[in-house]
Amino acid sequence: MDLIITLVIGGIVGWLGSIVMKTNAQMGLIANIIVGIVGAWLGGWIAAKLGIVAPTGLGSWLVSVAGAAILIFILKVLGIFK
């Protein structure tokens, strides 16, 4: 059950990150899930390094979406997304 929840939340976070970065039309379901999961981890890692504590709820969603947007930015720089 945890795997299904992770995939659903990862897909939502990746989708929101792709909307922020205007790559929504270029990404499919699998890309949204991967970007969402990796982006949430990246956002949490960066927030921890900056000393930002995101409690559960809206703060953790914002950190996750920001991480997904940063990951998409990195992928755009590498030429994966145009």
Protein backbone atom coordinates (compact mmCIF):
# COMPACT_ATOMS: atom_id res chain seq x y z
CA MET A 1 0.00 0.00 0.00
CA ASP A 2 2.89 2.36 0.76
CA LEU A 3 4.25 1.89 -2.76
CA ILE A 4 0.93 2.92 -4.30
CA ILE A 5 0.73 6.02 -2.09
CA THR A 6 4.31 6.93 -2.99
CA LEU A 7 3.57 6.60 -6.71
CA VAL A 8 0.38 8.67 -6.50
CA ILE A 9 1.94 11.46 -4.43
CA GLY A 10 5.09 11.38 -6.60
CA GLY A 11 2.91 11.75 -9.69
CA ILE A 12 1.07 14.73 -8.21
CA VAL A 13 4.29 16.43 -7.08
CA GLY A 14 5.93 15.83 -10.47
CA TRP A 15 2.84 17.15 -12.28
CA LEU A 16 2.78 20.32 -10.13
CA GLY A 17 6.53 20.80 -10.68
CA SER A 18 6.08 20.41 -14.43
CA ILE A 19 3.30 23.03 -14.40
CA VAL A 20 5.57 25.45 -12.53
CA MET A 21 8.40 24.88 -15.02
CA LYS A 22 6.08 24.84 -18.08
CA THR A 23 7.12 21.36 -19.21
CA ASN A 24 3.75 19.74 -18.56
CA ALA A 25 3.10 18.96 -22.24
CA GLN A 26 6.48 17.23 -22.55
CA MET A 27 6.12 14.87 -19.60
CA GLY A 28 4.03 11.74 -19.30
CA LEU A 29 2.81 9.85 -16.26
CA ILE A 30 6.03 7.90 -15.68
CA ALA A 31 8.19 11.02 -15.99
CA ASN A 32 5.93 12.88 -13.55
CA ILE A 33 6.20 10.05 -11.02
CA ILE A 34 9.99 9.80 -11.30
CA VAL A 35 10.50 13.58 -11.19
CA GLY A 36 8.08 13.84 -8.27
CA ILE A 37 9.78 11.18 -6.16
CA VAL A 38 13.35 12.28 -6.91
CA GLY A 39 12.36 15.96 -6.70
CA ALA A 40 10.74 15.48 -3.29
CA TRP A 41 13.93 13.87 -2.04
CA LEU A 42 16.04 16.65 -3.58
CA GLY A 43 13.83 19.36 -2.08
CA GLY A 44 14.02 17.76 1.36
CA TRP A 45 17.79 17.43 1.11
CA ILE A 46 18.26 21.07 0.04
CA ALA A 47 15.86 22.29 2.73
CA ALA A 48 17.79 20.34 5.38
CA LYS A 49 21.10 21.80 4.17
CA LEU A 50 19.60 25.31 4.39
CA GLY A 51 18.24 24.62 7.87
CA ILE A 52 14.62 24.78 6.74
CA VAL A 53 12.34 22.42 8.59
CA ALA A 54 9.17 21.66 6.66
CA PRO A 55 6.61 20.16 8.99
CA THR A 56 4.07 17.80 7.54
CA GLY A 57 1.33 19.41 5.54
CA LEU A 58 1.59 22.38 3.22
CA GLY A 59 5.26 23.02 3.98
CA SER A 60 6.35 19.56 2.93
CA TRP A 61 4.27 19.83 -0.27
CA LEU A 62 5.91 23.16 -1.11
CA VAL A 63 9.39 21.77 -0.49
CA SER A 64 8.59 18.72 -2.63
CA VAL A 65 7.22 20.77 -5.54
CA ALA A 66 10.19 23.15 -5.31
CA GLY A 67 12.54 20.15 -5.43
CA ALA A 68 10.72 18.81 -8.49
CA ALA A 69 10.98 22.22 -10.16
CA ILE A 70 14.72 22.35 -9.41
CA LEU A 71 15.15 18.86 -10.85
CA ILE A 72 13.26 19.84 -14.00
CA PHE A 73 15.45 22.95 -14.29
CA ILE A 74 18.56 20.76 -14.08
CA LEU A 75 17.11 18.41 -16.72
CA LYS A 76 16.36 21.41 -18.97
CA VAL A 77 19.95 22.62 -18.64
CA LEU A 78 21.15 19.13 -19.59
CA GLY A 79 18.90 19.23 -22.66
CA ILE A 80 16.48 16.50 -21.63
CA PHE A 81 13.52 18.91 -21.69
CA LYS A 82 13.26 21.81 -24.10
